[in-house]
Amino acid sequence: MEIDSRMSAGWRLSVNNRAVIAGFVGLLVMMAFAEIEGLSALRQIRDINDTIRDDFLERTRLLEKIRADVYVSGTYVRDYLLEPEPGQAESFRASLLETRADMDAALQQYRAILNSADAIPFQALTTQLAAYWKLLDPVFTWNTAQRQSAGYVFLRDEVFPRRTAMLGMADQIGAIAETQLKIGNLRVAETFRQFRRLLSVVIGLTMGLGIALAAFSVRRILNLEHETAARREDLQQLSARLVEAQEQERRSISRELHDEVGQSLTGVLVEMANLSTLIRNRDMESLPGKADEIKKLVEDSIRVVRNMALLLRPSMLDDLGLVPALQWQAREVSKRGQVWVKVAAERVSEDLPEELKTCVYRVVQEALHNCVQHSGAHTVRVTIRQDPDRIVLSIQDDGKGFHAREERGMGLLGIEERVLHLGGEFAVDSEPGRGTVLRVALPLAESHQAIA
């Protein structure tokens, strides 16, 4: 079905609005994605940095403790070997054993956080420490004379060189820990670079989409301004046509009153004067005929006034309802022209809003007028149906048709304005040679939906 230009413009507007909304939603999604990824990357960088820092600090602490215990153990060994008093020497021996226990605990803790890089140096260190403590085991059985005679030589040749070697190994492990710290820092830097690249890509895409949306929005605004200007011009033309139609209707009413009602009433006055003359002349035989003539003139005047009133606002629309008014209108059109009009109604409630009933009546009235005046149709079918949420009206004729999107007369404009004013939908399907179908859908208020 070819839709009226206003409906097409509304459809295009809806599509463009959905495109703009989808674009802004996409932009917001991208911004949200960038924020989520940024927060995730920052948390990852922070966690990696905290892990590397805590690991380095823990390794450094344990190595410092091991180094300090090795150094202190040499001091306790020296004091133990050179102390002449047995009681004091035993005190140094106890302190040495306590230092050994602390060192073993530190080694066990370091072993728990050991990695492949410092496994070999750490194994060498533990081997040296085991040999160191094994070397000291016989010393604890020496008496005072043995300690004084062999203690200095033992310290010089065995304890101090081994202690120096072990401290060197501890330094090697510390250097490995510093290397691991540098590697961790490089890992953090690489993660940050990846995050920066991702952020640059997302920002670039976001800016590109934002620029595209801005350009599209500006273009759409300019188009809307043009459409608004065109629509304003159409409304001005419509207003002028409405004023013209109003004047034509007033002229028509004036002509009907002057030609029909005025002449009939003038005839009544003339005949009343003749009747008065007959009464004065006592011509009783002519009185009935003259009274019938006057009665006929009065009846013609009443008929003209009634028809004019029905055309302006049919009383049956208020008294009987919408469907009987449409059926009366169909009969009147069928009487006056060569067009047969059929009205079909489905589940149409009579408890409808006044503005909706008036709109449907006027739409049918104008459509039938167009059919009689322009279409050359022989048959017109008017179908009205009440759905749960709307009133659907269809008017179909078998006339000559026209180009619906190119030819827009005053009648169609008036129908369109009435329908759109009530928030309804209006469409015309017609082509030359195949008749016309006019479709109207008017929404129902929620209260009338419940009644329906």
Protein backbone atom coordinates (compact mmCIF):
# COMPACT_ATOMS: atom_id res chain seq x y z
CA MET A 1 0.00 0.00 0.00
CA GLU A 2 1.27 3.42 -0.90
CA ILE A 3 1.12 5.52 2.22
CA ASP A 4 0.31 9.18 2.30
CA SER A 5 3.34 11.48 2.33
CA ARG A 6 2.78 12.52 5.91
CA MET A 7 2.75 8.90 7.05
CA SER A 8 5.90 8.22 5.04
CA ALA A 9 7.62 11.22 6.61
CA GLY A 10 6.55 10.05 10.05
CA TRP A 11 7.88 6.57 9.33
CA ARG A 12 11.21 7.99 8.16
CA LEU A 13 11.35 10.17 11.26
CA SER A 14 10.76 7.13 13.45
CA VAL A 15 13.53 5.19 11.68
CA ASN A 16 15.95 8.11 11.99
CA ASN A 17 15.07 8.55 15.65
CA ARG A 18 15.72 4.88 16.28
CA ALA A 19 19.04 5.17 14.46
CA VAL A 20 20.07 8.15 16.59
CA ILE A 21 18.97 6.39 19.79
CA ALA A 22 20.84 3.23 18.76
CA GLY A 23 23.94 5.33 18.01
CA PHE A 24 23.87 7.04 21.38
CA VAL A 25 23.23 3.73 23.13
CA GLY A 26 26.23 2.28 21.28
CA LEU A 27 28.31 5.29 22.31
CA LEU A 28 27.29 4.86 25.94
CA VAL A 29 28.02 1.13 25.74
CA MET A 30 31.48 1.83 24.33
CA MET A 31 32.14 4.40 27.04
CA ALA A 32 30.94 1.97 29.70
CA PHE A 33 33.10 -0.76 28.17
CA ALA A 34 36.11 1.56 28.19
CA GLU A 35 35.46 2.46 31.82
CA ILE A 36 35.02 -1.16 32.88
CA GLU A 37 38.12 -2.28 30.97
CA GLY A 38 40.08 0.67 32.35
CA LEU A 39 39.09 -0.12 35.92
CA SER A 40 39.87 -3.80 35.35
CA ALA A 41 43.29 -2.97 33.85
CA LEU A 42 44.08 -0.58 36.69
CA ARG A 43 43.09 -3.19 39.25
CA GLN A 44 45.24 -5.74 37.42
CA ILE A 45 48.20 -3.37 37.35
CA ARG A 46 47.70 -2.57 41.03
CA ASP A 47 47.42 -6.26 41.96
CA ILE A 48 50.52 -7.18 39.95
CA ASN A 49 52.45 -4.29 41.44
CA ASP A 50 51.31 -5.16 44.97
CA THR A 51 52.21 -8.83 44.44
CA ILE A 52 55.65 -7.99 43.08
CA ARG A 53 56.31 -5.48 45.84
CA ASP A 54 55.10 -7.76 48.63
CA ASP A 55 57.07 -10.68 47.20
CA PHE A 56 60.24 -8.59 46.95
CA LEU A 57 59.82 -7.18 50.44
CA GLU A 58 59.20 -10.65 51.89
CA ARG A 59 62.23 -12.11 50.10
CA THR A 60 64.40 -9.19 51.18
CA ARG A 61 63.20 -9.54 54.78
CA LEU A 62 63.92 -13.27 54.91
CA LEU A 63 67.34 -12.91 53.23
CA GLU A 64 68.26 -10.13 55.63
CA LYS A 65 67.24 -12.35 58.52
CA ILE A 66 69.27 -15.28 57.15
CA ARG A 67 72.24 -13.02 56.51
CA ALA A 68 71.99 -11.54 60.00
CA ASP A 69 71.67 -14.97 61.57
CA VAL A 70 74.78 -16.21 59.69
CA TYR A 71 76.73 -13.19 60.80
CA VAL A 72 75.53 -13.45 64.42
CA SER A 73 76.23 -17.19 64.47
CA GLY A 74 79.90 -16.50 63.73
CA THR A 75 80.00 -14.07 66.62
CA TYR A 76 78.41 -16.59 68.99
CA VAL A 77 80.83 -19.30 67.82
CA ARG A 78 83.76 -16.97 68.44
CA ASP A 79 82.56 -16.02 71.90
CA TYR A 80 81.83 -19.65 72.72
CA LEU A 81 85.29 -20.85 71.66
CA LEU A 82 87.22 -18.04 73.33
CA GLU A 83 85.22 -17.87 76.58
CA PRO A 84 87.20 -19.44 79.49
CA GLU A 85 84.27 -19.67 81.89
CA PRO A 86 82.21 -22.83 81.27
CA GLY A 87 78.91 -21.23 82.42
CA GLN A 88 79.27 -18.24 80.15
CA ALA A 89 80.34 -20.43 77.26
CA GLU A 90 77.20 -22.50 77.71
CA SER A 91 75.14 -19.31 77.47
CA PHE A 92 76.78 -18.47 74.10
CA ARG A 93 76.10 -22.03 72.97
CA ALA A 94 72.39 -21.66 73.81
CA SER A 95 72.21 -18.38 71.92
CA LEU A 96 73.86 -20.01 68.92
CA LEU A 97 71.35 -22.84 68.91
CA GLU A 98 68.48 -20.31 69.13
CA THR A 99 69.99 -18.42 66.18
CA ARG A 100 70.13 -21.68 64.24
CA ALA A 101 66.43 -22.32 64.94
CA ASP A 102 65.51 -18.83 63.72
CA MET A 103 67.60 -19.35 60.59
CA ASP A 104 65.93 -22.68 59.85
CA ALA A 105 62.50 -21.03 60.21
CA ALA A 106 63.52 -18.23 57.81
CA LEU A 107 64.82 -20.81 55.32
CA GLN A 108 61.54 -22.70 55.52
CA GLN A 109 59.55 -19.52 54.87
CA TYR A 110 61.78 -18.59 51.94
CA ARG A 111 61.40 -22.09 50.50
CA ALA A 112 57.59 -21.52 50.42
CA ILE A 113 57.98 -18.50 48.08
CA LEU A 114 60.84 -19.94 46.07
CA ASN A 115 60.74 -19.62 42.27
CA SER A 116 62.73 -21.23 39.49
CA ALA A 117 65.13 -18.30 39.12
CA ASP A 118 66.64 -18.54 42.62
CA ALA A 119 66.14 -22.27 43.23
CA ILE A 120 69.74 -23.26 42.42
CA PRO A 121 71.43 -20.46 44.47
CA PHE A 122 69.06 -21.17 47.35
CA GLN A 123 69.87 -24.89 47.21
CA ALA A 124 73.59 -24.07 47.28
CA LEU A 125 73.00 -21.77 50.26
CA THR A 126 71.10 -24.40 52.21
CA THR A 127 73.83 -26.96 51.43
CA GLN A 128 76.49 -24.60 52.69
CA LEU A 129 74.47 -23.84 55.81
CA ALA A 130 73.97 -27.55 56.49
CA ALA A 131 77.73 -28.14 56.10
CA TYR A 132 78.38 -25.12 58.31
CA TRP A 133 76.22 -26.40 61.14
CA LYS A 134 77.60 -29.91 60.73
CA LEU A 135 81.10 -28.45 61.04
CA LEU A 136 80.11 -26.82 64.33
CA ASP A 137 78.57 -29.94 65.88
CA PRO A 138 81.92 -31.37 67.24
CA VAL A 139 82.81 -28.00 68.77
CA PHE A 140 79.95 -28.23 71.23
CA THR A 141 81.65 -31.27 72.84
CA TRP A 142 84.98 -29.53 73.45
CA ASN A 143 86.12 -28.75 76.95
CA THR A 144 87.63 -25.47 78.04
CA ALA A 145 91.20 -26.51 77.27
CA GLN A 146 90.30 -27.71 73.77
CA ARG A 147 88.41 -24.50 73.04
CA GLN A 148 91.36 -22.37 74.15
CA SER A 149 93.97 -24.37 72.26
CA ALA A 150 92.15 -24.96 68.94
CA GLY A 151 89.41 -22.33 68.99
CA TYR A 152 91.24 -19.49 67.27
CA VAL A 153 92.59 -21.67 64.48
CA PHE A 154 89.12 -23.17 63.95
CA LEU A 155 87.57 -19.73 63.71
CA ARG A 156 90.20 -18.49 61.29
CA ASP A 157 90.34 -21.49 59.00
CA GLU A 158 86.78 -22.86 59.10
CA VAL A 159 84.10 -20.55 60.52
CA PHE A 160 84.96 -17.16 59.06
CA PRO A 161 85.65 -18.37 55.47
CA ARG A 162 82.43 -20.36 55.42
CA ARG A 163 80.48 -17.47 56.87
CA THR A 164 81.87 -15.16 54.20
CA ALA A 165 80.94 -17.66 51.46
CA MET A 166 77.39 -18.01 52.78
CA LEU A 167 76.96 -14.25 52.99
CA GLY A 168 78.06 -14.08 49.34
CA MET A 169 75.43 -16.64 48.40
CA ALA A 170 72.81 -14.65 50.26
CA ASP A 171 73.86 -11.59 48.30
CA GLN A 172 73.47 -13.58 45.08
CA ILE A 173 69.95 -14.54 46.07
CA GLY A 174 69.24 -10.90 46.89
CA ALA A 175 70.51 -9.89 43.44
CA ILE A 176 68.18 -12.47 41.91
CA ALA A 177 65.29 -11.00 43.92
CA GLU A 178 66.14 -7.55 42.58
CA THR A 179 66.19 -9.00 39.07
CA GLN A 180 62.77 -10.48 39.66
CA LEU A 181 61.63 -7.07 40.85
CA LYS A 182 62.84 -5.51 37.62
CA ILE A 183 61.10 -8.24 35.59
CA GLY A 184 57.90 -7.57 37.53
CA ASN A 185 58.22 -3.85 36.86
CA LEU A 186 58.63 -4.62 33.17
CA ARG A 187 55.50 -6.77 33.34
CA VAL A 188 53.59 -3.93 34.95
CA ALA A 189 54.88 -1.54 32.29
CA GLU A 190 53.80 -3.93 29.51
CA THR A 191 50.35 -4.31 31.05
CA PHE A 192 50.08 -0.55 31.26
CA ARG A 193 51.13 -0.21 27.61
CA GLN A 194 48.47 -2.72 26.57
CA PHE A 195 45.89 -0.83 28.57
CA ARG A 196 47.00 2.44 26.99
CA ARG A 197 46.70 0.93 23.49
CA LEU A 198 43.23 -0.44 24.26
CA LEU A 199 42.18 2.86 25.76
CA SER A 200 43.48 4.72 22.70
CA VAL A 201 41.49 2.43 20.38
CA VAL A 202 38.31 2.80 22.44
CA ILE A 203 38.73 6.57 22.68
CA GLY A 204 39.32 6.74 18.92
CA LEU A 205 36.23 4.67 18.20
CA THR A 206 34.18 6.66 20.71
CA MET A 207 35.29 9.97 19.22
CA GLY A 208 34.63 8.66 15.71
CA LEU A 209 31.16 7.48 16.65
CA GLY A 210 30.53 10.73 18.54
CA ILE A 211 31.56 12.81 15.52
CA ALA A 212 29.39 10.65 13.26
CA LEU A 213 26.42 11.03 15.61
CA ALA A 214 27.02 14.77 15.85
CA ALA A 215 27.15 15.07 12.06
CA PHE A 216 24.04 12.91 11.69
CA SER A 217 22.21 14.91 14.38
CA VAL A 218 23.13 18.23 12.75
CA ARG A 219 22.01 16.91 9.39
CA ARG A 220 18.79 15.62 10.92
CA ILE A 221 18.15 18.94 12.63
CA LEU A 222 18.64 20.77 9.34
CA ASN A 223 16.29 18.31 7.61
CA LEU A 224 13.74 18.82 10.37
CA GLU A 225 14.02 22.57 9.92
CA HIS A 226 13.37 22.15 6.20
CA GLU A 227 10.49 19.78 6.86
CA THR A 228 9.10 22.16 9.46
CA ALA A 229 9.30 25.03 7.00
CA ALA A 230 7.58 22.91 4.33
CA ARG A 231 4.99 21.79 6.85
CA ARG A 232 4.41 25.39 7.91
CA GLU A 233 3.81 26.30 4.29
CA ASP A 234 1.39 23.38 3.94
CA LEU A 235 -0.44 24.52 7.06
CA GLN A 236 -0.66 28.03 5.70
CA GLN A 237 -2.07 26.69 2.46
CA LEU A 238 -4.44 24.47 4.40
CA SER A 239 -5.54 27.41 6.53
CA ALA A 240 -6.20 29.43 3.39
CA ARG A 241 -8.14 26.52 1.88
CA LEU A 242 -10.13 26.09 5.08
CA VAL A 243 -11.05 29.76 5.06
CA GLU A 244 -12.04 29.45 1.40
CA ALA A 245 -14.07 26.31 2.12
CA GLN A 246 -15.75 28.08 5.03
CA GLU A 247 -16.69 30.97 2.78
CA GLN A 248 -17.97 28.58 0.14
CA GLU A 249 -20.04 26.77 2.73
CA ARG A 250 -21.47 30.07 3.93
CA ARG A 251 -22.31 31.08 0.35
CA SER A 252 -23.93 27.70 -0.19
CA ILE A 253 -26.02 28.05 2.98
CA SER A 254 -26.93 31.62 2.04
CA ARG A 255 -27.93 30.53 -1.47
CA GLU A 256 -29.99 27.64 -0.10
CA LEU A 257 -31.74 29.96 2.36
CA HIS A 258 -32.40 32.57 -0.32
CA ASP A 259 -33.33 30.30 -3.21
CA GLU A 260 -35.18 27.57 -1.38
CA VAL A 261 -36.38 28.75 2.01
CA GLY A 262 -36.77 32.41 1.05
CA GLN A 263 -38.73 31.67 -2.12
CA SER A 264 -40.88 29.09 -0.34
CA LEU A 265 -41.71 31.52 2.45
CA THR A 266 -42.42 34.25 -0.10
CA GLY A 267 -44.76 31.83 -1.86
CA VAL A 268 -46.41 31.10 1.48
CA LEU A 269 -47.00 34.84 2.00
CA VAL A 270 -48.49 35.20 -1.48
CA GLU A 271 -50.74 32.22 -1.04
CA MET A 272 -51.78 33.39 2.40
CA ALA A 273 -52.81 36.69 0.83
CA ASN A 274 -54.79 34.79 -1.80
CA LEU A 275 -56.35 32.68 0.95
CA SER A 276 -57.35 35.82 2.82
CA THR A 277 -58.96 37.17 -0.37
CA LEU A 278 -60.93 33.93 -0.80
CA ILE A 279 -62.10 34.10 2.77
CA ARG A 280 -63.28 37.69 2.35
CA ASN A 281 -65.09 36.75 -0.89
CA ARG A 282 -66.57 33.72 0.87
CA ASP A 283 -65.28 31.42 -1.85
CA MET A 284 -65.48 28.31 0.25
CA GLU A 285 -65.00 25.89 -2.62
CA SER A 286 -61.45 27.15 -3.38
CA LEU A 287 -60.30 27.21 0.27
CA PRO A 288 -59.22 23.50 0.55
CA GLY A 289 -57.10 23.66 -2.62
CA LYS A 290 -55.41 26.89 -1.55
CA ALA A 291 -54.73 25.44 1.95
CA ASP A 292 -53.11 22.38 0.35
CA GLU A 293 -50.84 24.62 -1.74
CA ILE A 294 -49.77 26.54 1.37
CA LYS A 295 -49.19 23.28 3.24
CA LYS A 296 -47.00 21.97 0.41
CA LEU A 297 -44.91 25.16 0.40
CA VAL A 298 -44.42 24.95 4.18
CA GLU A 299 -43.47 21.26 3.95
CA ASP A 300 -40.89 22.04 1.24
CA SER A 301 -39.39 24.75 3.45
CA ILE A 302 -39.25 22.37 6.42
CA ARG A 303 -37.58 19.72 4.24
CA VAL A 304 -34.91 22.16 3.03
CA VAL A 305 -34.20 23.38 6.57
CA ARG A 306 -34.03 19.81 7.86
CA ASN A 307 -31.61 18.76 5.13
CA MET A 308 -29.41 21.77 5.82
CA ALA A 309 -29.40 21.00 9.55
CA LEU A 310 -28.54 17.35 8.90
CA LEU A 311 -25.68 18.32 6.64
CA LEU A 312 -24.30 20.69 9.29
CA ARG A 313 -24.74 18.32 12.24
CA PRO A 314 -27.09 15.32 11.97
CA SER A 315 -29.26 15.15 15.06
CA MET A 316 -29.39 11.37 14.78
CA LEU A 317 -25.63 11.30 15.52
CA ASP A 318 -26.53 12.54 19.00
CA ASP A 319 -29.91 10.83 19.30
CA LEU A 320 -29.35 7.39 17.73
CA GLY A 321 -25.57 6.99 17.49
CA LEU A 322 -22.78 6.70 14.96
CA VAL A 323 -23.82 3.68 12.91
CA PRO A 324 -27.43 4.84 12.23
CA ALA A 325 -26.08 8.27 11.22
CA LEU A 326 -23.67 6.65 8.78
CA GLN A 327 -26.46 4.48 7.38
CA TRP A 328 -28.67 7.55 6.90
CA GLN A 329 -25.83 9.34 5.17
CA ALA A 330 -25.31 6.33 2.88
CA ARG A 331 -29.02 6.32 1.97
CA GLU A 332 -29.03 10.04 1.23
CA VAL A 333 -25.98 9.76 -1.02
CA SER A 334 -27.50 6.77 -2.79
CA LYS A 335 -30.72 8.76 -3.39
CA ARG A 336 -29.02 11.86 -4.80
CA GLY A 337 -26.46 10.22 -7.10
CA GLN A 338 -25.67 7.20 -9.20
CA VAL A 339 -23.59 5.64 -6.38
CA TRP A 340 -24.70 2.74 -4.24
CA VAL A 341 -23.27 3.01 -0.70
CA LYS A 342 -23.11 0.08 1.71
CA VAL A 343 -22.24 0.45 5.40
CA ALA A 344 -20.91 -2.54 7.39
CA ALA A 345 -20.31 -2.19 11.14
CA GLU A 346 -18.64 -4.71 13.46
CA ARG A 347 -18.97 -4.48 17.26
CA VAL A 348 -19.19 -0.68 17.29
CA SER A 349 -20.21 0.65 20.69
CA GLU A 350 -22.55 3.63 20.84
CA ASP A 351 -20.78 4.87 23.97
CA LEU A 352 -17.94 6.54 22.09
CA PRO A 353 -16.43 10.00 22.69
CA GLU A 354 -18.22 12.79 20.85
CA GLU A 355 -15.08 13.98 19.09
CA LEU A 356 -14.40 10.46 17.79
CA LYS A 357 -17.96 9.98 16.48
CA THR A 358 -17.87 13.41 14.83
CA CYS A 359 -14.50 12.65 13.24
CA VAL A 360 -15.71 9.32 11.79
CA TYR A 361 -18.92 10.91 10.51
CA ARG A 362 -17.10 13.82 8.85
CA VAL A 363 -14.48 11.54 7.32
CA VAL A 364 -17.20 9.37 5.77
CA GLN A 365 -19.13 12.46 4.68
CA GLU A 366 -16.12 14.00 2.94
CA ALA A 367 -15.05 10.69 1.40
CA LEU A 368 -18.53 10.06 -0.03
CA HIS A 369 -18.61 13.61 -1.36
CA ASN A 370 -15.29 12.99 -3.15
CA CYS A 371 -16.61 9.70 -4.54
CA VAL A 372 -19.69 11.38 -5.96
CA GLN A 373 -17.90 14.44 -7.31
CA HIS A 374 -14.60 13.03 -8.58
CA SER A 375 -14.25 9.25 -8.60
CA GLY A 376 -17.04 8.22 -11.01
CA ALA A 377 -17.61 5.19 -8.76
CA HIS A 378 -20.73 3.01 -8.88
CA THR A 379 -20.24 1.23 -5.56
CA VAL A 380 -18.78 2.42 -2.26
CA ARG A 381 -18.30 0.16 0.76
CA VAL A 382 -17.90 1.75 4.19
CA THR A 383 -16.59 -0.62 6.89
CA ILE A 384 -16.19 0.39 10.52
CA ARG A 385 -14.78 -1.96 13.16
CA GLN A 386 -14.05 -1.51 16.84
CA ASP A 387 -10.93 -3.29 18.12
CA PRO A 388 -9.96 -3.41 21.80
CA ASP A 389 -7.80 -0.30 21.50
CA ARG A 390 -8.98 1.56 18.38
CA ILE A 391 -11.67 2.28 15.80
CA VAL A 392 -10.77 1.16 12.26
CA LEU A 393 -12.55 2.76 9.30
CA SER A 394 -12.22 1.73 5.66
CA ILE A 395 -13.89 3.37 2.63
CA GLN A 396 -13.44 1.58 -0.70
CA ASP A 397 -14.83 2.57 -4.10
CA ASP A 398 -14.61 1.17 -7.63
CA GLY A 399 -13.95 4.54 -9.27
CA LYS A 400 -11.24 5.74 -11.62
CA GLY A 401 -8.65 6.28 -8.89
CA PHE A 402 -5.78 8.79 -8.78
CA HIS A 403 -2.12 9.19 -7.79
CA ALA A 404 -2.51 9.24 -4.02
CA ARG A 405 0.98 10.56 -3.28
CA GLU A 406 0.87 13.33 -5.86
CA GLU A 407 -2.70 14.59 -5.82
CA ARG A 408 -3.82 15.98 -2.48
CA GLY A 409 -7.05 17.87 -2.61
CA MET A 410 -8.81 19.88 0.03
CA GLY A 411 -10.94 16.94 1.08
CA LEU A 412 -8.00 14.64 1.84
CA LEU A 413 -6.18 17.40 3.70
CA GLY A 414 -9.23 18.02 5.85
CA ILE A 415 -9.63 14.31 6.59
CA GLU A 416 -5.95 14.01 7.43
CA GLU A 417 -6.03 16.96 9.80
CA ARG A 418 -9.07 15.60 11.61
CA VAL A 419 -7.53 12.15 12.05
CA LEU A 420 -4.08 13.35 13.13
CA HIS A 421 -5.65 15.79 15.58
CA LEU A 422 -7.06 12.80 17.48
CA GLY A 423 -3.72 10.93 17.32
CA GLY A 424 -4.90 8.52 14.64
CA GLU A 425 -3.39 7.10 11.45
CA PHE A 426 -4.46 7.98 7.92
CA ALA A 427 -3.53 6.27 4.64
CA VAL A 428 -4.77 6.27 1.05
CA ASP A 429 -4.22 3.45 -1.45
CA SER A 430 -5.12 4.41 -5.00
CA GLU A 431 -3.86 4.19 -8.54
CA PRO A 432 -5.49 5.35 -11.76
CA GLY A 433 -7.93 2.75 -13.04
CA ARG A 434 -8.27 0.61 -9.93
CA GLY A 435 -10.31 2.59 -7.43
CA THR A 436 -9.41 4.00 -4.04
CA VAL A 437 -9.20 2.66 -0.50
CA LEU A 438 -9.08 5.13 2.37
CA ARG A 439 -8.05 3.74 5.78
CA VAL A 440 -8.31 5.46 9.15
CA ALA A 441 -7.43 4.18 12.63
CA LEU A 442 -8.41 6.21 15.70
CA PRO A 443 -7.18 5.27 19.21
CA LEU A 444 -9.65 4.66 22.02
CA ALA A 445 -9.23 6.07 25.51
CA GLU A 446 -8.52 3.49 28.25
CA SER A 447 -12.02 3.89 29.72
CA HIS A 448 -13.64 3.01 26.38
CA GLN A 449 -11.18 0.16 25.87
CA ALA A 450 -12.48 -1.39 29.07
CA ILE A 451 -16.06 -0.99 27.81
CA ALA A 452 -15.13 -2.51 24.45
